[in-house]
C-alpha cells in the first residue's frame, strides 16, 4: 500500500507526498512522471507514455514531487523491481 499525503498551500495549490515503505520487502521502488496527454492522438499518447516509463525520476520508497499542483492533472507511476 502507498500512503498518500496531501497538503494545501496558502495560495490554494496542493502538495502531495507518497510513502511506499510498506512495499520495500517486495523490491526496489521506482517513481515516474507521465506527462499530460490530453490533446494527443492515441499513437502519440502511447509513445509519450512508453518513453516516460523508461527512466525513473527517482528511486526509493519516499517520493515528494516538487511541483505545486493547481487545477491540472499529474500522473505519477510507481514500479516495484523485484529483487
PDB file of N, CA and C in Angstrom:
ATOM      1  N   UNK A   1       0.829  -1.161   0.000  1.00  0.00           N
ATOM      2  CA  UNK A   1       0.000   0.000   0.000  1.00  0.00           C
ATOM      3  C   UNK A   1       0.885   1.240   0.000  1.00  0.00           C
ATOM      4  N   UNK A   2       0.464   2.250  -0.725  1.00  0.00           N
ATOM      5  CA  UNK A   2       1.178   3.521  -0.761  1.00  0.00           C
ATOM      6  C   UNK A   2       0.376   4.545   0.031  1.00  0.00           C
ATOM      7  N   UNK A   3       1.023   5.179   0.979  1.00  0.00           N
ATOM      8  CA  UNK A   3       0.415   6.231   1.775  1.00  0.00           C
ATOM      9  C   UNK A   3       0.532   7.539   1.000  1.00  0.00           C
ATOM     10  N   UNK A   4      -0.575   8.223   0.764  1.00  0.00           N
ATOM     11  CA  UNK A   4      -0.571   9.497   0.041  1.00  0.00           C
ATOM     12  C   UNK A   4      -0.955  10.594   1.019  1.00  0.00           C
ATOM     13  N   UNK A   5      -0.102  11.624   1.082  1.00  0.00           N
ATOM     14  CA  UNK A   5      -0.357  12.751   1.957  1.00  0.00           C
ATOM     15  C   UNK A   5      -0.585  13.991   1.100  1.00  0.00           C
ATOM     16  N   UNK A   6      -1.668  14.698   1.353  1.00  0.00           N
ATOM     17  CA  UNK A   6      -1.998  15.920   0.611  1.00  0.00           C
ATOM     18  C   UNK A   6      -1.941  17.103   1.562  1.00  0.00           C
ATOM     19  N   UNK A   7      -1.281  18.170   1.107  1.00  0.00           N
ATOM     20  CA  UNK A   7      -1.205  19.397   1.905  1.00  0.00           C
ATOM     21  C   UNK A   7      -1.599  20.563   1.015  1.00  0.00           C
ATOM     22  N   UNK A   8      -2.439  21.457   1.515  1.00  0.00           N
ATOM     23  CA  UNK A   8      -2.856  22.641   0.754  1.00  0.00           C
ATOM     24  C   UNK A   8      -1.970  23.814   1.144  1.00  0.00           C
ATOM     25  N   UNK A   9      -1.445  24.521   0.128  1.00  0.00           N
ATOM     26  CA  UNK A   9      -0.604  25.689   0.381  1.00  0.00           C
ATOM     27  C   UNK A   9      -1.484  26.902   0.670  1.00  0.00           C
ATOM     28  N   UNK A  10      -0.869  27.978   1.129  1.00  0.00           N
ATOM     29  CA  UNK A  10      -1.609  29.211   1.401  1.00  0.00           C
ATOM     30  C   UNK A  10      -2.242  29.784   0.137  1.00  0.00           C
ATOM     31  N   UNK A  11      -1.633  29.506  -1.021  1.00  0.00           N
ATOM     32  CA  UNK A  11      -2.166  30.042  -2.273  1.00  0.00           C
ATOM     33  C   UNK A  11      -3.217  29.123  -2.903  1.00  0.00           C
ATOM     34  N   UNK A  12      -3.539  28.018  -2.232  1.00  0.00           N
ATOM     35  CA  UNK A  12      -4.597  27.147  -2.716  1.00  0.00           C
ATOM     36  C   UNK A  12      -4.137  25.947  -3.518  1.00  0.00           C
ATOM     37  N   UNK A  13      -2.851  25.856  -3.779  1.00  0.00           N
ATOM     38  CA  UNK A  13      -2.326  24.702  -4.501  1.00  0.00           C
ATOM     39  C   UNK A  13      -2.203  23.502  -3.579  1.00  0.00           C
ATOM     40  N   UNK A  14      -1.938  22.351  -4.157  1.00  0.00           N
ATOM     41  CA  UNK A  14      -1.787  21.119  -3.391  1.00  0.00           C
ATOM     42  C   UNK A  14      -0.365  20.598  -3.545  1.00  0.00           C
ATOM     43  N   UNK A  15       0.165  20.054  -2.458  1.00  0.00           N
ATOM     44  CA  UNK A  15       1.450  19.378  -2.479  1.00  0.00           C
ATOM     45  C   UNK A  15       1.202  17.955  -1.988  1.00  0.00           C
ATOM     46  N   UNK A  16       1.669  16.985  -2.749  1.00  0.00           N
ATOM     47  CA  UNK A  16       1.463  15.589  -2.403  1.00  0.00           C
ATOM     48  C   UNK A  16       2.789  14.925  -2.085  1.00  0.00           C
ATOM     49  N   UNK A  17       2.747  13.951  -1.196  1.00  0.00           N
ATOM     50  CA  UNK A  17       3.905  13.109  -0.953  1.00  0.00           C
ATOM     51  C   UNK A  17       3.419  11.664  -0.881  1.00  0.00           C
ATOM     52  N   UNK A  18       4.297  10.752  -1.273  1.00  0.00           N
ATOM     53  CA  UNK A  18       3.951   9.338  -1.373  1.00  0.00           C
ATOM     54  C   UNK A  18       4.948   8.522  -0.557  1.00  0.00           C
ATOM     55  N   UNK A  19       4.429   7.573   0.208  1.00  0.00           N
ATOM     56  CA  UNK A  19       5.267   6.741   1.050  1.00  0.00           C
ATOM     57  C   UNK A  19       4.945   5.279   0.736  1.00  0.00           C
ATOM     58  N   UNK A  20       5.891   4.578   0.140  1.00  0.00           N
ATOM     59  CA  UNK A  20       5.710   3.172  -0.221  1.00  0.00           C
ATOM     60  C   UNK A  20       6.618   2.269   0.614  1.00  0.00           C
ATOM     61  N   UNK A  21       6.963   2.714   1.819  1.00  0.00           N
ATOM     62  CA  UNK A  21       7.861   1.929   2.666  1.00  0.00           C
ATOM     63  C   UNK A  21       7.306   0.537   2.969  1.00  0.00           C
ATOM     64  N   UNK A  22       5.987   0.389   2.985  1.00  0.00           N
ATOM     65  CA  UNK A  22       5.400  -0.925   3.273  1.00  0.00           C
ATOM     66  C   UNK A  22       5.657  -1.928   2.148  1.00  0.00           C
ATOM     67  N   UNK A  23       6.128  -1.444   1.004  1.00  0.00           N
ATOM     68  CA  UNK A  23       6.373  -2.317  -0.148  1.00  0.00           C
ATOM     69  C   UNK A  23       7.847  -2.633  -0.375  1.00  0.00           C
ATOM     70  N   UNK A  24       8.734  -2.135   0.471  1.00  0.00           N
ATOM     71  CA  UNK A  24      10.170  -2.310   0.217  1.00  0.00           C
ATOM     72  C   UNK A  24      10.619  -3.763   0.298  1.00  0.00           C
ATOM     73  N   UNK A  25       9.906  -4.600   1.017  1.00  0.00           N
ATOM     74  CA  UNK A  25      10.269  -6.025   1.050  1.00  0.00           C
ATOM     75  C   UNK A  25      10.006  -6.700  -0.295  1.00  0.00           C
ATOM     76  N   UNK A  26       9.155  -6.095  -1.109  1.00  0.00           N
ATOM     77  CA  UNK A  26       8.816  -6.652  -2.424  1.00  0.00           C
ATOM     78  C   UNK A  26       9.884  -6.357  -3.483  1.00  0.00           C
ATOM     79  N   UNK A  27      10.668  -5.308  -3.273  1.00  0.00           N
ATOM     80  CA  UNK A  27      11.699  -4.953  -4.241  1.00  0.00           C
ATOM     81  C   UNK A  27      11.999  -3.461  -4.207  1.00  0.00           C
ATOM     82  N   UNK A  28      12.774  -3.021  -5.176  1.00  0.00           N
ATOM     83  CA  UNK A  28      13.162  -1.614  -5.282  1.00  0.00           C
ATOM     84  C   UNK A  28      11.996  -0.812  -5.862  1.00  0.00           C
ATOM     85  N   UNK A  29      11.712   0.351  -5.284  1.00  0.00           N
ATOM     86  CA  UNK A  29      10.615   1.207  -5.722  1.00  0.00           C
ATOM     87  C   UNK A  29      11.164   2.253  -6.693  1.00  0.00           C
ATOM     88  N   UNK A  30      10.523   2.374  -7.847  1.00  0.00           N
ATOM     89  CA  UNK A  30      10.881   3.392  -8.841  1.00  0.00           C
ATOM     90  C   UNK A  30       9.651   4.264  -9.115  1.00  0.00           C
ATOM     91  N   UNK A  31       9.900   5.572  -9.262  1.00  0.00           N
ATOM     92  CA  UNK A  31       8.829   6.550  -9.498  1.00  0.00           C
ATOM     93  C   UNK A  31       8.996   7.178 -10.876  1.00  0.00           C
ATOM     94  N   UNK A  32       7.873   7.477 -11.515  1.00  0.00           N
ATOM     95  CA  UNK A  32       7.849   8.030 -12.878  1.00  0.00           C
ATOM     96  C   UNK A  32       6.811   9.138 -12.979  1.00  0.00           C
ATOM     97  N   UNK A  33       7.096  10.154 -13.800  1.00  0.00           N
ATOM     98  CA  UNK A  33       6.095  11.140 -14.204  1.00  0.00           C
ATOM     99  C   UNK A  33       5.566  10.738 -15.558  1.00  0.00           C
ATOM    100  N   UNK A  34       4.284  10.813 -15.741  1.00  0.00           N
ATOM    101  CA  UNK A  34       3.688  10.607 -17.056  1.00  0.00           C
ATOM    102  C   UNK A  34       3.096  11.946 -17.459  1.00  0.00           C
ATOM    103  N   UNK A  35       3.605  12.556 -18.530  1.00  0.00           N
ATOM    104  CA  UNK A  35       3.150  13.889 -18.923  1.00  0.00           C
ATOM    105  C   UNK A  35       1.672  13.906 -19.327  1.00  0.00           C
ATOM    106  N   UNK A  36       1.110  15.090 -19.323  1.00  0.00           N
ATOM    107  CA  UNK A  36      -0.278  15.280 -19.748  1.00  0.00           C
ATOM    108  C   UNK A  36      -0.412  14.907 -21.224  1.00  0.00           C
ATOM    109  N   UNK A  37      -1.320  14.008 -21.520  1.00  0.00           N
ATOM    110  CA  UNK A  37      -1.522  13.541 -22.906  1.00  0.00           C
ATOM    111  C   UNK A  37      -2.899  13.919 -23.428  1.00  0.00           C
ATOM    112  N   UNK A  38      -3.539  14.875 -22.788  1.00  0.00           N
ATOM    113  CA  UNK A  38      -4.921  15.240 -23.097  1.00  0.00           C
ATOM    114  C   UNK A  38      -5.151  15.549 -24.570  1.00  0.00           C
ATOM    115  N   UNK A  39      -4.311  16.337 -25.183  1.00  0.00           N
ATOM    116  CA  UNK A  39      -4.553  16.776 -26.570  1.00  0.00           C
ATOM    117  C   UNK A  39      -3.772  15.968 -27.595  1.00  0.00           C
ATOM    118  N   UNK A  40      -3.404  14.752 -27.270  1.00  0.00           N
ATOM    119  CA  UNK A  40      -2.622  13.915 -28.185  1.00  0.00           C
ATOM    120  C   UNK A  40      -3.508  12.826 -28.781  1.00  0.00           C
ATOM    121  N   UNK A  41      -3.160  12.417 -30.017  1.00  0.00           N
ATOM    122  CA  UNK A  41      -3.858  11.266 -30.582  1.00  0.00           C
ATOM    123  C   UNK A  41      -3.325   9.999 -29.908  1.00  0.00           C
ATOM    124  N   UNK A  42      -3.989   8.877 -30.138  1.00  0.00           N
ATOM    125  CA  UNK A  42      -3.647   7.635 -29.434  1.00  0.00           C
ATOM    126  C   UNK A  42      -2.214   7.177 -29.666  1.00  0.00           C
ATOM    127  N   UNK A  43      -1.725   7.313 -30.879  1.00  0.00           N
ATOM    128  CA  UNK A  43      -0.360   6.895 -31.197  1.00  0.00           C
ATOM    129  C   UNK A  43       0.658   7.745 -30.433  1.00  0.00           C
ATOM    130  N   UNK A  44       0.426   9.056 -30.420  1.00  0.00           N
ATOM    131  CA  UNK A  44       1.321   9.968 -29.704  1.00  0.00           C
ATOM    132  C   UNK A  44       1.253   9.708 -28.192  1.00  0.00           C
ATOM    133  N   UNK A  45       0.059   9.469 -27.658  1.00  0.00           N
ATOM    134  CA  UNK A  45      -0.088   9.158 -26.236  1.00  0.00           C
ATOM    135  C   UNK A  45       0.730   7.930 -25.869  1.00  0.00           C
ATOM    136  N   UNK A  46       0.607   6.900 -26.680  1.00  0.00           N
ATOM    137  CA  UNK A  46       1.317   5.652 -26.408  1.00  0.00           C
ATOM    138  C   UNK A  46       2.828   5.875 -26.432  1.00  0.00           C
ATOM    139  N   UNK A  47       3.320   6.654 -27.392  1.00  0.00           N
ATOM    140  CA  UNK A  47       4.744   6.932 -27.499  1.00  0.00           C
ATOM    141  C   UNK A  47       5.241   7.708 -26.273  1.00  0.00           C
ATOM    142  N   UNK A  48       4.504   8.740 -25.882  1.00  0.00           N
ATOM    143  CA  UNK A  48       4.909   9.587 -24.756  1.00  0.00           C
ATOM    144  C   UNK A  48       4.904   8.786 -23.446  1.00  0.00           C
ATOM    145  N   UNK A  49       3.881   7.982 -23.229  1.00  0.00           N
ATOM    146  CA  UNK A  49       3.802   7.174 -22.002  1.00  0.00           C
ATOM    147  C   UNK A  49       4.925   6.151 -21.967  1.00  0.00           C
ATOM    148  N   UNK A  50       5.163   5.478 -23.087  1.00  0.00           N
ATOM    149  CA  UNK A  50       6.240   4.480 -23.146  1.00  0.00           C
ATOM    150  C   UNK A  50       7.587   5.125 -22.852  1.00  0.00           C
ATOM    151  N   UNK A  51       7.848   6.288 -23.453  1.00  0.00           N
ATOM    152  CA  UNK A  51       9.110   7.000 -23.198  1.00  0.00           C
ATOM    153  C   UNK A  51       9.252   7.395 -21.734  1.00  0.00           C
ATOM    154  N   UNK A  52       8.170   7.877 -21.142  1.00  0.00           N
ATOM    155  CA  UNK A  52       8.253   8.352 -19.758  1.00  0.00           C
ATOM    156  C   UNK A  52       8.478   7.210 -18.776  1.00  0.00           C
ATOM    157  N   UNK A  53       8.144   5.988 -19.162  1.00  0.00           N
ATOM    158  CA  UNK A  53       8.319   4.840 -18.279  1.00  0.00           C
ATOM    159  C   UNK A  53       9.664   4.137 -18.459  1.00  0.00           C
ATOM    160  N   UNK A  54      10.557   4.709 -19.273  1.00  0.00           N
ATOM    161  CA  UNK A  54      11.859   4.073 -19.477  1.00  0.00           C
ATOM    162  C   UNK A  54      12.881   4.462 -18.414  1.00  0.00           C
ATOM    163  N   UNK A  55      12.785   5.662 -17.880  1.00  0.00           N
ATOM    164  CA  UNK A  55      13.737   6.142 -16.875  1.00  0.00           C
ATOM    165  C   UNK A  55      13.007   6.653 -15.647  1.00  0.00           C
ATOM    166  N   UNK A  56      13.235   6.048 -14.489  1.00  0.00           N
ATOM    167  CA  UNK A  56      12.584   6.574 -13.282  1.00  0.00           C
ATOM    168  C   UNK A  56      13.139   7.952 -12.938  1.00  0.00           C
ATOM    169  N   UNK A  57      12.279   8.798 -12.405  1.00  0.00           N
ATOM    170  CA  UNK A  57      12.748  10.117 -11.968  1.00  0.00           C
ATOM    171  C   UNK A  57      13.348  10.048 -10.576  1.00  0.00           C
ATOM    172  N   UNK A  58      12.988   8.968  -9.850  1.00  0.00           N
ATOM    173  CA  UNK A  58      13.536   8.785  -8.508  1.00  0.00           C
ATOM    174  C   UNK A  58      13.371   7.327  -8.114  1.00  0.00           C
ATOM    175  N   UNK A  59      14.270   6.846  -7.282  1.00  0.00           N
ATOM    176  CA  UNK A  59      14.127   5.508  -6.715  1.00  0.00           C
ATOM    177  C   UNK A  59      14.100   5.631  -5.195  1.00  0.00           C
ATOM    178  N   UNK A  60      13.455   4.689  -4.557  1.00  0.00           N
ATOM    179  CA  UNK A  60      13.332   4.692  -3.104  1.00  0.00           C
ATOM    180  C   UNK A  60      11.874   4.767  -2.705  1.00  0.00           C
ATOM    181  N   UNK A  61      11.565   4.445  -1.470  1.00  0.00           N
ATOM    182  CA  UNK A  61      10.168   4.340  -1.051  1.00  0.00           C
ATOM    183  C   UNK A  61       9.439   5.669  -0.851  1.00  0.00           C
ATOM    184  N   UNK A  62      10.180   6.764  -0.661  1.00  0.00           N
ATOM    185  CA  UNK A  62       9.551   8.064  -0.418  1.00  0.00           C
ATOM    186  C   UNK A  62       9.672   8.945  -1.649  1.00  0.00           C
ATOM    187  N   UNK A  63       8.558   9.573  -2.031  1.00  0.00           N
ATOM    188  CA  UNK A  63       8.566  10.449  -3.202  1.00  0.00           C
ATOM    189  C   UNK A  63       7.694  11.657  -2.918  1.00  0.00           C
ATOM    190  N   UNK A  64       8.249  12.831  -3.143  1.00  0.00           N
ATOM    191  CA  UNK A  64       7.502  14.073  -2.967  1.00  0.00           C
ATOM    192  C   UNK A  64       7.801  14.980  -4.150  1.00  0.00           C
ATOM    193  N   UNK A  65       6.893  15.036  -5.122  1.00  0.00           N
ATOM    194  CA  UNK A  65       7.119  15.899  -6.282  1.00  0.00           C
ATOM    195  C   UNK A  65       7.318  17.343  -5.835  1.00  0.00           C
ATOM    196  N   UNK A  66       8.181  18.049  -6.511  1.00  0.00           N
ATOM    197  CA  UNK A  66       8.478  19.435  -6.156  1.00  0.00           C
ATOM    198  C   UNK A  66       7.437  20.409  -6.702  1.00  0.00           C
ATOM    199  N   UNK A  67       6.592  19.928  -7.583  1.00  0.00           N
ATOM    200  CA  UNK A  67       5.623  20.794  -8.245  1.00  0.00           C
ATOM    201  C   UNK A  67       4.386  20.985  -7.374  1.00  0.00           C
ATOM    202  N   UNK A  68       3.943  22.238  -7.251  1.00  0.00           N
ATOM    203  CA  UNK A  68       2.675  22.532  -6.587  1.00  0.00           C
ATOM    204  C   UNK A  68       1.591  22.394  -7.642  1.00  0.00           C
ATOM    205  N   UNK A  69       0.542  21.661  -7.323  1.00  0.00           N
ATOM    206  CA  UNK A  69      -0.486  21.352  -8.302  1.00  0.00           C
ATOM    207  C   UNK A  69      -1.707  22.235  -8.067  1.00  0.00           C
ATOM    208  N   UNK A  70      -2.099  22.959  -9.105  1.00  0.00           N
ATOM    209  CA  UNK A  70      -3.325  23.739  -9.049  1.00  0.00           C
ATOM    210  C   UNK A  70      -4.383  22.946  -9.815  1.00  0.00           C
ATOM    211  N   UNK A  71      -5.055  23.486 -10.778  1.00  0.00           N
ATOM    212  CA  UNK A  71      -6.139  22.786 -11.475  1.00  0.00           C
ATOM    213  C   UNK A  71      -5.629  22.040 -12.697  1.00  0.00           C
ATOM    214  N   UNK A  72      -4.790  21.046 -12.483  1.00  0.00           N
ATOM    215  CA  UNK A  72      -4.342  20.212 -13.587  1.00  0.00           C
ATOM    216  C   UNK A  72      -4.082  18.810 -13.080  1.00  0.00           C
ATOM    217  N   UNK A  73      -4.004  17.894 -13.997  1.00  0.00           N
ATOM    218  CA  UNK A  73      -3.808  16.502 -13.629  1.00  0.00           C
ATOM    219  C   UNK A  73      -2.353  16.120 -13.841  1.00  0.00           C
ATOM    220  N   UNK A  74      -1.764  15.497 -12.840  1.00  0.00           N
ATOM    221  CA  UNK A  74      -0.404  14.980 -12.929  1.00  0.00           C
ATOM    222  C   UNK A  74      -0.500  13.482 -12.674  1.00  0.00           C
ATOM    223  N   UNK A  75       0.092  12.699 -13.538  1.00  0.00           N
ATOM    224  CA  UNK A  75       0.066  11.252 -13.347  1.00  0.00           C
ATOM    225  C   UNK A  75       1.447  10.805 -12.889  1.00  0.00           C
ATOM    226  N   UNK A  76       1.455  10.077 -11.790  1.00  0.00           N
ATOM    227  CA  UNK A  76       2.703   9.559 -11.244  1.00  0.00           C
ATOM    228  C   UNK A  76       2.601   8.038 -11.271  1.00  0.00           C
ATOM    229  N   UNK A  77       3.636   7.411 -11.802  1.00  0.00           N
ATOM    230  CA  UNK A  77       3.673   5.954 -11.827  1.00  0.00           C
ATOM    231  C   UNK A  77       4.685   5.436 -10.840  1.00  0.00           C
ATOM    232  N   UNK A  78       4.441   4.250 -10.330  1.00  0.00           N
ATOM    233  CA  UNK A  78       5.354   3.590  -9.425  1.00  0.00           C
ATOM    234  C   UNK A  78       5.513   2.145  -9.879  1.00  0.00           C
ATOM    235  N   UNK A  79       6.754   1.664  -9.843  1.00  0.00           N
ATOM    236  CA  UNK A  79       7.010   0.279 -10.238  1.00  0.00           C
ATOM    237  C   UNK A  79       7.862  -0.371  -9.156  1.00  0.00           C
ATOM    238  N   UNK A  80       7.561  -1.628  -8.862  1.00  0.00           N
ATOM    239  CA  UNK A  80       8.372  -2.399  -7.932  1.00  0.00           C
ATOM    240  C   UNK A  80       9.248  -3.326  -8.771  1.00  0.00           C
ATOM    241  N   UNK A  81      10.566  -3.145  -8.644  1.00  0.00           N
ATOM    242  CA  UNK A  81      11.515  -4.004  -9.352  1.00  0.00           C
ATOM    243  C   UNK A  81      11.899  -5.116  -8.397  1.00  0.00           C
ATOM    244  N   UNK A  82      11.517  -6.330  -8.726  1.00  0.00           N
ATOM    245  CA  UNK A  82      11.731  -7.472  -7.835  1.00  0.00           C
ATOM    246  C   UNK A  82      13.208  -7.721  -7.620  1.00  0.00           C
ATOM    247  N   UNK A  83      13.533  -8.140  -6.398  1.00  0.00           N
ATOM    248  CA  UNK A  83      14.917  -8.436  -6.035  1.00  0.00           C
ATOM    249  C   UNK A  83      15.355  -9.722  -6.688  1.00  0.00           C
TER     250      UNK A  83
END
